[in-house]
Amino acid sequence: MTPELPTPIAEFVEANARLDVDAMLKPFAGDAVASDMGKSHEGHAELRTWFEEEVIAVKAIFTPDTARNENGQVVVEGSAHGDFKGSPIRFTYHFDLEGDAIKTMEITA
């Protein structure tokens, strides 16, 4: 069962399920920062490259199963599956929202 998510996060998850890069970018603020495996990606251009190289290329789809608010962040947990070593892997996403946009996203395994 998919947990109830704030609109921008739900839009990101739904776009990821379709592997749609343009739709994945849409809910992010123009100056958003995403961190994954110790690497940071800032702004839509860097996010697009990261999504294309690290998500689309291996068909990595994140399926959330829990969500909670923690210290002002939305914390979403679930598994990602795709054409990558160790698939599926459980991940935790930490989101900061600003208005109707994702301002930061940090992914940990």
PDB file of N, CA and C in Angstrom:
ATOM      1  N   MET A   1       0.837  -1.182   0.000  1.00  0.00           N
ATOM      2  CA  MET A   1       0.000   0.000   0.000  1.00  0.00           C
ATOM      3  C   MET A   1       0.880   1.242   0.000  1.00  0.00           C
ATOM      4  N   THR A   2       0.599   2.159  -0.895  1.00  0.00           N
ATOM      5  CA  THR A   2       1.367   3.390  -0.985  1.00  0.00           C
ATOM      6  C   THR A   2       0.883   4.363   0.084  1.00  0.00           C
ATOM      7  N   PRO A   3       1.814   4.913   0.866  1.00  0.00           N
ATOM      8  CA  PRO A   3       1.397   5.873   1.886  1.00  0.00           C
ATOM      9  C   PRO A   3       0.960   7.194   1.269  1.00  0.00           C
ATOM     10  N   GLU A   4       0.191   7.970   2.018  1.00  0.00           N
ATOM     11  CA  GLU A   4      -0.216   9.289   1.555  1.00  0.00           C
ATOM     12  C   GLU A   4       1.002  10.207   1.613  1.00  0.00           C
ATOM     13  N   LEU A   5       1.279  10.863   0.497  1.00  0.00           N
ATOM     14  CA  LEU A   5       2.459  11.711   0.390  1.00  0.00           C
ATOM     15  C   LEU A   5       2.055  13.130   0.022  1.00  0.00           C
ATOM     16  N   PRO A   6       2.828  14.141   0.468  1.00  0.00           N
ATOM     17  CA  PRO A   6       2.570  15.500  -0.002  1.00  0.00           C
ATOM     18  C   PRO A   6       2.644  15.541  -1.532  1.00  0.00           C
ATOM     19  N   THR A   7       1.883  16.422  -2.147  1.00  0.00           N
ATOM     20  CA  THR A   7       1.740  16.467  -3.598  1.00  0.00           C
ATOM     21  C   THR A   7       3.064  16.445  -4.359  1.00  0.00           C
ATOM     22  N   PRO A   8       4.060  17.301  -4.041  1.00  0.00           N
ATOM     23  CA  PRO A   8       5.270  17.260  -4.867  1.00  0.00           C
ATOM     24  C   PRO A   8       6.022  15.929  -4.772  1.00  0.00           C
ATOM     25  N   ILE A   9       5.996  15.304  -3.619  1.00  0.00           N
ATOM     26  CA  ILE A   9       6.668  14.010  -3.457  1.00  0.00           C
ATOM     27  C   ILE A   9       5.896  12.934  -4.212  1.00  0.00           C
ATOM     28  N   ALA A  10       4.581  12.961  -4.103  1.00  0.00           N
ATOM     29  CA  ALA A  10       3.748  11.994  -4.842  1.00  0.00           C
ATOM     30  C   ALA A  10       3.976  12.137  -6.344  1.00  0.00           C
ATOM     31  N   GLU A  11       4.083  13.378  -6.837  1.00  0.00           N
ATOM     32  CA  GLU A  11       4.324  13.598  -8.266  1.00  0.00           C
ATOM     33  C   GLU A  11       5.680  13.020  -8.679  1.00  0.00           C
ATOM     34  N   PHE A  12       6.695  13.223  -7.844  1.00  0.00           N
ATOM     35  CA  PHE A  12       8.022  12.681  -8.134  1.00  0.00           C
ATOM     36  C   PHE A  12       7.977  11.154  -8.192  1.00  0.00           C
ATOM     37  N   VAL A  13       7.350  10.524  -7.202  1.00  0.00           N
ATOM     38  CA  VAL A  13       7.274   9.064  -7.137  1.00  0.00           C
ATOM     39  C   VAL A  13       6.528   8.514  -8.353  1.00  0.00           C
ATOM     40  N   GLU A  14       5.405   9.147  -8.702  1.00  0.00           N
ATOM     41  CA  GLU A  14       4.619   8.690  -9.855  1.00  0.00           C
ATOM     42  C   GLU A  14       5.412   8.834 -11.154  1.00  0.00           C
ATOM     43  N   ALA A  15       6.145   9.940 -11.307  1.00  0.00           N
ATOM     44  CA  ALA A  15       6.959  10.146 -12.508  1.00  0.00           C
ATOM     45  C   ALA A  15       8.106   9.145 -12.569  1.00  0.00           C
ATOM     46  N   ASN A  16       8.699   8.843 -11.406  1.00  0.00           N
ATOM     47  CA  ASN A  16       9.772   7.850 -11.352  1.00  0.00           C
ATOM     48  C   ASN A  16       9.244   6.489 -11.788  1.00  0.00           C
ATOM     49  N   ALA A  17       8.042   6.141 -11.390  1.00  0.00           N
ATOM     50  CA  ALA A  17       7.461   4.847 -11.770  1.00  0.00           C
ATOM     51  C   ALA A  17       7.309   4.730 -13.287  1.00  0.00           C
ATOM     52  N   ARG A  18       7.147   5.882 -13.963  1.00  0.00           N
ATOM     53  CA  ARG A  18       7.032   5.899 -15.427  1.00  0.00           C
ATOM     54  C   ARG A  18       8.393   6.129 -16.097  1.00  0.00           C
ATOM     55  N   LEU A  19       9.430   6.363 -15.283  1.00  0.00           N
ATOM     56  CA  LEU A  19      10.772   6.702 -15.784  1.00  0.00           C
ATOM     57  C   LEU A  19      10.713   7.909 -16.715  1.00  0.00           C
ATOM     58  N   ASP A  20       9.967   8.922 -16.288  1.00  0.00           N
ATOM     59  CA  ASP A  20       9.740  10.152 -17.053  1.00  0.00           C
ATOM     60  C   ASP A  20      10.579  11.275 -16.441  1.00  0.00           C
ATOM     61  N   VAL A  21      11.727  11.568 -17.039  1.00  0.00           N
ATOM     62  CA  VAL A  21      12.666  12.546 -16.477  1.00  0.00           C
ATOM     63  C   VAL A  21      12.041  13.929 -16.343  1.00  0.00           C
ATOM     64  N   ASP A  22      11.359  14.407 -17.383  1.00  0.00           N
ATOM     65  CA  ASP A  22      10.759  15.742 -17.315  1.00  0.00           C
ATOM     66  C   ASP A  22       9.773  15.851 -16.155  1.00  0.00           C
ATOM     67  N   ALA A  23       8.934  14.848 -15.990  1.00  0.00           N
ATOM     68  CA  ALA A  23       7.957  14.861 -14.901  1.00  0.00           C
ATOM     69  C   ALA A  23       8.638  14.677 -13.544  1.00  0.00           C
ATOM     70  N   MET A  24       9.757  13.948 -13.501  1.00  0.00           N
ATOM     71  CA  MET A  24      10.501  13.798 -12.244  1.00  0.00           C
ATOM     72  C   MET A  24      11.071  15.140 -11.790  1.00  0.00           C
ATOM     73  N   LEU A  25      11.496  15.981 -12.722  1.00  0.00           N
ATOM     74  CA  LEU A  25      12.074  17.285 -12.400  1.00  0.00           C
ATOM     75  C   LEU A  25      11.033  18.302 -11.969  1.00  0.00           C
ATOM     76  N   LYS A  26       9.844  18.189 -12.507  1.00  0.00           N
ATOM     77  CA  LYS A  26       8.809  19.211 -12.313  1.00  0.00           C
ATOM     78  C   LYS A  26       8.562  19.586 -10.848  1.00  0.00           C
ATOM     79  N   PRO A  27       8.480  18.648  -9.901  1.00  0.00           N
ATOM     80  CA  PRO A  27       8.180  19.047  -8.532  1.00  0.00           C
ATOM     81  C   PRO A  27       9.367  19.642  -7.761  1.00  0.00           C
ATOM     82  N   PHE A  28      10.543  19.716  -8.367  1.00  0.00           N
ATOM     83  CA  PHE A  28      11.718  20.260  -7.686  1.00  0.00           C
ATOM     84  C   PHE A  28      11.833  21.762  -7.923  1.00  0.00           C
ATOM     85  N   ALA A  29      12.214  22.501  -6.872  1.00  0.00           N
ATOM     86  CA  ALA A  29      12.525  23.916  -7.007  1.00  0.00           C
ATOM     87  C   ALA A  29      13.703  24.062  -7.969  1.00  0.00           C
ATOM     88  N   GLY A  30      13.801  25.184  -8.627  1.00  0.00           N
ATOM     89  CA  GLY A  30      14.871  25.409  -9.586  1.00  0.00           C
ATOM     90  C   GLY A  30      16.262  25.277  -8.991  1.00  0.00           C
ATOM     91  N   ASP A  31      16.402  25.596  -7.704  1.00  0.00           N
ATOM     92  CA  ASP A  31      17.702  25.517  -7.032  1.00  0.00           C
ATOM     93  C   ASP A  31      17.769  24.335  -6.055  1.00  0.00           C
ATOM     94  N   ALA A  32      16.918  23.349  -6.267  1.00  0.00           N
ATOM     95  CA  ALA A  32      16.866  22.188  -5.366  1.00  0.00           C
ATOM     96  C   ALA A  32      18.211  21.459  -5.340  1.00  0.00           C
ATOM     97  N   VAL A  33      18.455  20.811  -4.202  1.00  0.00           N
ATOM     98  CA  VAL A  33      19.668  20.012  -4.034  1.00  0.00           C
ATOM     99  C   VAL A  33      19.249  18.592  -3.664  1.00  0.00           C
ATOM    100  N   ALA A  34      19.822  17.619  -4.371  1.00  0.00           N
ATOM    101  CA  ALA A  34      19.583  16.212  -4.062  1.00  0.00           C
ATOM    102  C   ALA A  34      20.926  15.568  -3.739  1.00  0.00           C
ATOM    103  N   SER A  35      20.936  14.744  -2.709  1.00  0.00           N
ATOM    104  CA  SER A  35      22.148  14.035  -2.305  1.00  0.00           C
ATOM    105  C   SER A  35      21.874  12.546  -2.332  1.00  0.00           C
ATOM    106  N   ASP A  36      22.846  11.809  -2.890  1.00  0.00           N
ATOM    107  CA  ASP A  36      22.730  10.365  -3.000  1.00  0.00           C
ATOM    108  C   ASP A  36      24.131   9.772  -2.937  1.00  0.00           C
ATOM    109  N   MET A  37      24.338   8.857  -2.005  1.00  0.00           N
ATOM    110  CA  MET A  37      25.621   8.172  -1.896  1.00  0.00           C
ATOM    111  C   MET A  37      26.775   9.177  -1.757  1.00  0.00           C
ATOM    112  N   GLY A  38      26.560  10.261  -1.004  1.00  0.00           N
ATOM    113  CA  GLY A  38      27.602  11.242  -0.755  1.00  0.00           C
ATOM    114  C   GLY A  38      27.830  12.247  -1.864  1.00  0.00           C
ATOM    115  N   LYS A  39      27.070  12.170  -2.941  1.00  0.00           N
ATOM    116  CA  LYS A  39      27.205  13.121  -4.053  1.00  0.00           C
ATOM    117  C   LYS A  39      25.997  14.049  -4.052  1.00  0.00           C
ATOM    118  N   SER A  40      26.258  15.340  -4.267  1.00  0.00           N
ATOM    119  CA  SER A  40      25.174  16.320  -4.332  1.00  0.00           C
ATOM    120  C   SER A  40      24.975  16.792  -5.762  1.00  0.00           C
ATOM    121  N   HIS A  41      23.727  17.083  -6.078  1.00  0.00           N
ATOM    122  CA  HIS A  41      23.329  17.541  -7.404  1.00  0.00           C
ATOM    123  C   HIS A  41      22.429  18.747  -7.191  1.00  0.00           C
ATOM    124  N   GLU A  42      22.814  19.899  -7.781  1.00  0.00           N
ATOM    125  CA  GLU A  42      22.077  21.135  -7.527  1.00  0.00           C
ATOM    126  C   GLU A  42      21.499  21.706  -8.815  1.00  0.00           C
ATOM    127  N   GLY A  43      20.235  22.066  -8.753  1.00  0.00           N
ATOM    128  CA  GLY A  43      19.567  22.684  -9.890  1.00  0.00           C
ATOM    129  C   GLY A  43      19.080  21.652 -10.897  1.00  0.00           C
ATOM    130  N   HIS A  44      18.169  22.081 -11.738  1.00  0.00           N
ATOM    131  CA  HIS A  44      17.529  21.166 -12.684  1.00  0.00           C
ATOM    132  C   HIS A  44      18.503  20.516 -13.652  1.00  0.00           C
ATOM    133  N   ALA A  45      19.516  21.239 -14.123  1.00  0.00           N
ATOM    134  CA  ALA A  45      20.457  20.649 -15.087  1.00  0.00           C
ATOM    135  C   ALA A  45      21.204  19.475 -14.466  1.00  0.00           C
ATOM    136  N   GLU A  46      21.715  19.661 -13.240  1.00  0.00           N
ATOM    137  CA  GLU A  46      22.436  18.568 -12.578  1.00  0.00           C
ATOM    138  C   GLU A  46      21.496  17.436 -12.198  1.00  0.00           C
ATOM    139  N   LEU A  47      20.295  17.775 -11.755  1.00  0.00           N
ATOM    140  CA  LEU A  47      19.325  16.732 -11.415  1.00  0.00           C
ATOM    141  C   LEU A  47      18.965  15.910 -12.654  1.00  0.00           C
ATOM    142  N   ARG A  48      18.767  16.579 -13.785  1.00  0.00           N
ATOM    143  CA  ARG A  48      18.432  15.871 -15.024  1.00  0.00           C
ATOM    144  C   ARG A  48      19.535  14.872 -15.374  1.00  0.00           C
ATOM    145  N   THR A  49      20.791  15.315 -15.342  1.00  0.00           N
ATOM    146  CA  THR A  49      21.908  14.428 -15.661  1.00  0.00           C
ATOM    147  C   THR A  49      21.942  13.244 -14.705  1.00  0.00           C
ATOM    148  N   TRP A  50      21.779  13.508 -13.431  1.00  0.00           N
ATOM    149  CA  TRP A  50      21.785  12.444 -12.415  1.00  0.00           C
ATOM    150  C   TRP A  50      20.645  11.458 -12.665  1.00  0.00           C
ATOM    151  N   PHE A  51      19.442  11.971 -12.891  1.00  0.00           N
ATOM    152  CA  PHE A  51      18.303  11.083 -13.154  1.00  0.00           C
ATOM    153  C   PHE A  51      18.557  10.227 -14.395  1.00  0.00           C
ATOM    154  N   GLU A  52      19.073  10.841 -15.438  1.00  0.00           N
ATOM    155  CA  GLU A  52      19.315  10.090 -16.673  1.00  0.00           C
ATOM    156  C   GLU A  52      20.377   9.008 -16.487  1.00  0.00           C
ATOM    157  N   GLU A  53      21.455   9.342 -15.765  1.00  0.00           N
ATOM    158  CA  GLU A  53      22.575   8.409 -15.607  1.00  0.00           C
ATOM    159  C   GLU A  53      22.372   7.372 -14.506  1.00  0.00           C
ATOM    160  N   GLU A  54      21.688   7.756 -13.429  1.00  0.00           N
ATOM    161  CA  GLU A  54      21.601   6.873 -12.260  1.00  0.00           C
ATOM    162  C   GLU A  54      20.218   6.267 -12.037  1.00  0.00           C
ATOM    163  N   VAL A  55      19.212   6.783 -12.686  1.00  0.00           N
ATOM    164  CA  VAL A  55      17.847   6.268 -12.496  1.00  0.00           C
ATOM    165  C   VAL A  55      17.345   5.629 -13.795  1.00  0.00           C
ATOM    166  N   ILE A  56      17.250   6.436 -14.829  1.00  0.00           N
ATOM    167  CA  ILE A  56      16.703   5.959 -16.099  1.00  0.00           C
ATOM    168  C   ILE A  56      17.572   4.846 -16.683  1.00  0.00           C
ATOM    169  N   ALA A  57      18.885   5.038 -16.664  1.00  0.00           N
ATOM    170  CA  ALA A  57      19.803   4.071 -17.283  1.00  0.00           C
ATOM    171  C   ALA A  57      19.665   2.668 -16.702  1.00  0.00           C
ATOM    172  N   VAL A  58      19.323   2.575 -15.410  1.00  0.00           N
ATOM    173  CA  VAL A  58      19.201   1.258 -14.763  1.00  0.00           C
ATOM    174  C   VAL A  58      17.749   0.930 -14.407  1.00  0.00           C
ATOM    175  N   LYS A  59      16.833   1.767 -14.909  1.00  0.00           N
ATOM    176  CA  LYS A  59      15.399   1.558 -14.661  1.00  0.00           C
ATOM    177  C   LYS A  59      15.089   1.422 -13.171  1.00  0.00           C
ATOM    178  N   ALA A  60      15.696   2.312 -12.360  1.00  0.00           N
ATOM    179  CA  ALA A  60      15.508   2.282 -10.910  1.00  0.00           C
ATOM    180  C   ALA A  60      14.180   2.936 -10.547  1.00  0.00           C
ATOM    181  N   ILE A  61      13.285   2.136  -9.998  1.00  0.00           N
ATOM    182  CA  ILE A  61      11.963   2.616  -9.602  1.00  0.00           C
ATOM    183  C   ILE A  61      11.810   2.435  -8.095  1.00  0.00           C
ATOM    184  N   PHE A  62      11.513   3.561  -7.420  1.00  0.00           N
ATOM    185  CA  PHE A  62      11.341   3.582  -5.969  1.00  0.00           C
ATOM    186  C   PHE A  62       9.864   3.386  -5.645  1.00  0.00           C
ATOM    187  N   THR A  63       9.587   2.451  -4.748  1.00  0.00           N
ATOM    188  CA  THR A  63       8.218   2.176  -4.321  1.00  0.00           C
ATOM    189  C   THR A  63       8.118   2.401  -2.819  1.00  0.00           C
ATOM    190  N   PRO A  64       7.557   3.538  -2.409  1.00  0.00           N
ATOM    191  CA  PRO A  64       7.475   3.834  -0.978  1.00  0.00           C
ATOM    192  C   PRO A  64       6.443   2.966  -0.273  1.00  0.00           C
ATOM    193  N   ASP A  65       6.768   2.613   0.987  1.00  0.00           N
ATOM    194  CA  ASP A  65       5.785   1.868   1.786  1.00  0.00           C
ATOM    195  C   ASP A  65       5.496   2.529   3.133  1.00  0.00           C
ATOM    196  N   THR A  66       6.311   3.505   3.531  1.00  0.00           N
ATOM    197  CA  THR A  66       6.033   4.260   4.755  1.00  0.00           C
ATOM    198  C   THR A  66       6.411   5.724   4.543  1.00  0.00           C
ATOM    199  N   ALA A  67       5.727   6.598   5.266  1.00  0.00           N
ATOM    200  CA  ALA A  67       6.042   8.024   5.242  1.00  0.00           C
ATOM    201  C   ALA A  67       5.720   8.609   6.607  1.00  0.00           C
ATOM    202  N   ARG A  68       6.554   9.545   7.026  1.00  0.00           N
ATOM    203  CA  ARG A  68       6.322  10.192   8.323  1.00  0.00           C
ATOM    204  C   ARG A  68       6.966  11.576   8.299  1.00  0.00           C
ATOM    205  N   ASN A  69       6.533  12.421   9.207  1.00  0.00           N
ATOM    206  CA  ASN A  69       7.176  13.711   9.422  1.00  0.00           C
ATOM    207  C   ASN A  69       8.163  13.550  10.557  1.00  0.00           C
ATOM    208  N   GLU A  70       9.368  14.060  10.354  1.00  0.00           N
ATOM    209  CA  GLU A  70      10.425  13.913  11.359  1.00  0.00           C
ATOM    210  C   GLU A  70      11.297  15.163  11.330  1.00  0.00           C
ATOM    211  N   ASN A  71      11.269  15.924  12.419  1.00  0.00           N
ATOM    212  CA  ASN A  71      12.087  17.138  12.529  1.00  0.00           C
ATOM    213  C   ASN A  71      11.889  18.081  11.347  1.00  0.00           C
ATOM    214  N   GLY A  72      10.646  18.254  10.914  1.00  0.00           N
ATOM    215  CA  GLY A  72      10.339  19.170   9.834  1.00  0.00           C
ATOM    216  C   GLY A  72      10.534  18.613   8.439  1.00  0.00           C
ATOM    217  N   GLN A  73      11.006  17.399   8.339  1.00  0.00           N
ATOM    218  CA  GLN A  73      11.197  16.758   7.034  1.00  0.00           C
ATOM    219  C   GLN A  73      10.137  15.689   6.823  1.00  0.00           C
ATOM    220  N   VAL A  74       9.907  15.370   5.538  1.00  0.00           N
ATOM    221  CA  VAL A  74       9.079  14.226   5.195  1.00  0.00           C
ATOM    222  C   VAL A  74      10.045  13.088   4.911  1.00  0.00           C
ATOM    223  N   VAL A  75       9.924  12.012   5.674  1.00  0.00           N
ATOM    224  CA  VAL A  75      10.805  10.850   5.533  1.00  0.00           C
ATOM    225  C   VAL A  75       9.994   9.725   4.907  1.00  0.00           C
ATOM    226  N   VAL A  76      10.474   9.240   3.760  1.00  0.00           N
ATOM    227  CA  VAL A  76       9.767   8.216   3.004  1.00  0.00           C
ATOM    228  C   VAL A  76      10.696   7.022   2.840  1.00  0.00           C
ATOM    229  N   GLU A  77      10.201   5.845   3.177  1.00  0.00           N
ATOM    230  CA  GLU A  77      11.002   4.628   3.057  1.00  0.00           C
ATOM    231  C   GLU A  77      10.336   3.658   2.096  1.00  0.00           C
ATOM    232  N   GLY A  78      11.169   2.865   1.449  1.00  0.00           N
ATOM    233  CA  GLY A  78      10.653   1.851   0.544  1.00  0.00           C
ATOM    234  C   GLY A  78      11.793   1.196  -0.201  1.00  0.00           C
ATOM    235  N   SER A  79      11.442   0.363  -1.163  1.00  0.00           N
ATOM    236  CA  SER A  79      12.477  -0.335  -1.919  1.00  0.00           C
ATOM    237  C   SER A  79      12.547   0.213  -3.340  1.00  0.00           C
ATOM    238  N   ALA A  80      13.721   0.066  -3.917  1.00  0.00           N
ATOM    239  CA  ALA A  80      13.929   0.419  -5.319  1.00  0.00           C
ATOM    240  C   ALA A  80      14.372  -0.843  -6.034  1.00  0.00           C
ATOM    241  N   HIS A  81      13.794  -1.035  -7.194  1.00  0.00           N
ATOM    242  CA  HIS A  81      14.197  -2.181  -8.008  1.00  0.00           C
ATOM    243  C   HIS A  81      14.566  -1.693  -9.399  1.00  0.00           C
ATOM    244  N   GLY A  82      15.361  -2.468 -10.066  1.00  0.00           N
ATOM    245  CA  GLY A  82      15.772  -2.109 -11.416  1.00  0.00           C
ATOM    246  C   GLY A  82      16.902  -3.003 -11.870  1.00  0.00           C
ATOM    247  N   ASP A  83      17.608  -2.557 -12.886  1.00  0.00           N
ATOM    248  CA  ASP A  83      18.709  -3.322 -13.457  1.00  0.00           C
ATOM    249  C   ASP A  83      20.033  -2.890 -12.822  1.00  0.00           C
ATOM    250  N   PHE A  84      20.145  -3.058 -11.504  1.00  0.00           N
ATOM    251  CA  PHE A  84      21.373  -2.692 -10.806  1.00  0.00           C
ATOM    252  C   PHE A  84      21.694  -3.763  -9.767  1.00  0.00           C
ATOM    253  N   LYS A  85      22.973  -3.830  -9.417  1.00  0.00           N
ATOM    254  CA  LYS A  85      23.459  -4.839  -8.478  1.00  0.00           C
ATOM    255  C   LYS A  85      22.741  -4.705  -7.138  1.00  0.00           C
ATOM    256  N   GLY A  86      22.278  -5.830  -6.621  1.00  0.00           N
ATOM    257  CA  GLY A  86      21.627  -5.852  -5.315  1.00  0.00           C
ATOM    258  C   GLY A  86      20.137  -5.569  -5.345  1.00  0.00           C
ATOM    259  N   SER A  87      19.590  -5.322  -6.516  1.00  0.00           N
ATOM    260  CA  SER A  87      18.172  -4.993  -6.626  1.00  0.00           C
ATOM    261  C   SER A  87      17.315  -6.137  -6.098  1.00  0.00           C
ATOM    262  N   PRO A  88      16.305  -5.822  -5.317  1.00  0.00           N
ATOM    263  CA  PRO A  88      15.895  -4.512  -4.814  1.00  0.00           C
ATOM    264  C   PRO A  88      16.706  -4.107  -3.572  1.00  0.00           C
ATOM    265  N   ILE A  89      16.796  -2.804  -3.377  1.00  0.00           N
ATOM    266  CA  ILE A  89      17.487  -2.241  -2.219  1.00  0.00           C
ATOM    267  C   ILE A  89      16.515  -1.317  -1.501  1.00  0.00           C
ATOM    268  N   ARG A  90      16.545  -1.371  -0.176  1.00  0.00           N
ATOM    269  CA  ARG A  90      15.686  -0.497   0.627  1.00  0.00           C
ATOM    270  C   ARG A  90      16.371   0.858   0.809  1.00  0.00           C
ATOM    271  N   PHE A  91      15.619   1.926   0.576  1.00  0.00           N
ATOM    272  CA  PHE A  91      16.140   3.284   0.690  1.00  0.00           C
ATOM    273  C   PHE A  91      15.262   4.121   1.612  1.00  0.00           C
ATOM    274  N   THR A  92      15.881   5.160   2.172  1.00  0.00           N
ATOM    275  CA  THR A  92      15.168   6.183   2.926  1.00  0.00           C
ATOM    276  C   THR A  92      15.414   7.515   2.231  1.00  0.00           C
ATOM    277  N   TYR A  93      14.338   8.224   1.925  1.00  0.00           N
ATOM    278  CA  TYR A  93      14.405   9.541   1.308  1.00  0.00           C
ATOM    279  C   TYR A  93      13.989  10.571   2.350  1.00  0.00           C
ATOM    280  N   HIS A  94      14.792  11.607   2.506  1.00  0.00           N
ATOM    281  CA  HIS A  94      14.473  12.734   3.387  1.00  0.00           C
ATOM    282  C   HIS A  94      14.201  13.938   2.493  1.00  0.00           C
ATOM    283  N   PHE A  95      12.998  14.491   2.584  1.00  0.00           N
ATOM    284  CA  PHE A  95      12.598  15.626   1.752  1.00  0.00           C
ATOM    285  C   PHE A  95      12.372  16.860   2.607  1.00  0.00           C
ATOM    286  N   ASP A  96      12.831  18.002   2.111  1.00  0.00           N
ATOM    287  CA  ASP A  96      12.438  19.305   2.634  1.00  0.00           C
ATOM    288  C   ASP A  96      11.609  19.954   1.546  1.00  0.00           C
ATOM    289  N   LEU A  97      10.455  20.458   1.932  1.00  0.00           N
ATOM    290  CA  LEU A  97       9.571  21.113   0.974  1.00  0.00           C
ATOM    291  C   LEU A  97       9.589  22.614   1.205  1.00  0.00           C
ATOM    292  N   GLU A  98       9.410  23.350   0.122  1.00  0.00           N
ATOM    293  CA  GLU A  98       9.280  24.801   0.195  1.00  0.00           C
ATOM    294  C   GLU A  98       8.085  25.158  -0.670  1.00  0.00           C
ATOM    295  N   GLY A  99       6.985  25.503  -0.023  1.00  0.00           N
ATOM    296  CA  GLY A  99       5.754  25.725  -0.771  1.00  0.00           C
ATOM    297  C   GLY A  99       5.321  24.423  -1.414  1.00  0.00           C
ATOM    298  N   ASP A 100       5.101  24.451  -2.713  1.00  0.00           N
ATOM    299  CA  ASP A 100       4.677  23.267  -3.447  1.00  0.00           C
ATOM    300  C   ASP A 100       5.830  22.620  -4.206  1.00  0.00           C
ATOM    301  N   ALA A 101       7.045  22.778  -3.692  1.00  0.00           N
ATOM    302  CA  ALA A 101       8.212  22.246  -4.402  1.00  0.00           C
ATOM    303  C   ALA A 101       9.139  21.487  -3.442  1.00  0.00           C
ATOM    304  N   ILE A 102       9.870  20.562  -4.005  1.00  0.00           N
ATOM    305  CA  ILE A 102      10.905  19.848  -3.243  1.00  0.00           C
ATOM    306  C   ILE A 102      12.139  20.741  -3.256  1.00  0.00           C
ATOM    307  N   LYS A 103      12.621  21.102  -2.075  1.00  0.00           N
ATOM    308  CA  LYS A 103      13.800  21.959  -1.950  1.00  0.00           C
ATOM    309  C   LYS A 103      15.062  21.101  -1.807  1.00  0.00           C
ATOM    310  N   THR A 104      14.970  20.055  -0.977  1.00  0.00           N
ATOM    311  CA  THR A 104      16.095  19.128  -0.834  1.00  0.00           C
ATOM    312  C   THR A 104      15.570  17.703  -0.767  1.00  0.00           C
ATOM    313  N   MET A 105      16.425  16.783  -1.221  1.00  0.00           N
ATOM    314  CA  MET A 105      16.127  15.363  -1.148  1.00  0.00           C
ATOM    315  C   MET A 105      17.441  14.653  -0.853  1.00  0.00           C
ATOM    316  N   GLU A 106      17.455  13.879   0.221  1.00  0.00           N
ATOM    317  CA  GLU A 106      18.638  13.088   0.564  1.00  0.00           C
ATOM    318  C   GLU A 106      18.249  11.617   0.583  1.00  0.00           C
ATOM    319  N   ILE A 107      19.028  10.800  -0.109  1.00  0.00           N
ATOM    320  CA  ILE A 107      18.737   9.377  -0.202  1.00  0.00           C
ATOM    321  C   ILE A 107      19.822   8.595   0.517  1.00  0.00           C
ATOM    322  N   THR A 108      19.393   7.699   1.411  1.00  0.00           N
ATOM    323  CA  THR A 108      20.330   6.802   2.090  1.00  0.00           C
ATOM    324  C   THR A 108      19.815   5.367   1.985  1.00  0.00           C
ATOM    325  N   ALA A 109      20.751   4.443   2.017  1.00  0.00           N
ATOM    326  CA  ALA A 109      20.371   3.027   1.940  1.00  0.00           C
ATOM    327  C   ALA A 109      20.378   2.426   3.335  1.00  0.00           C
TER     328      ALA A 109
END
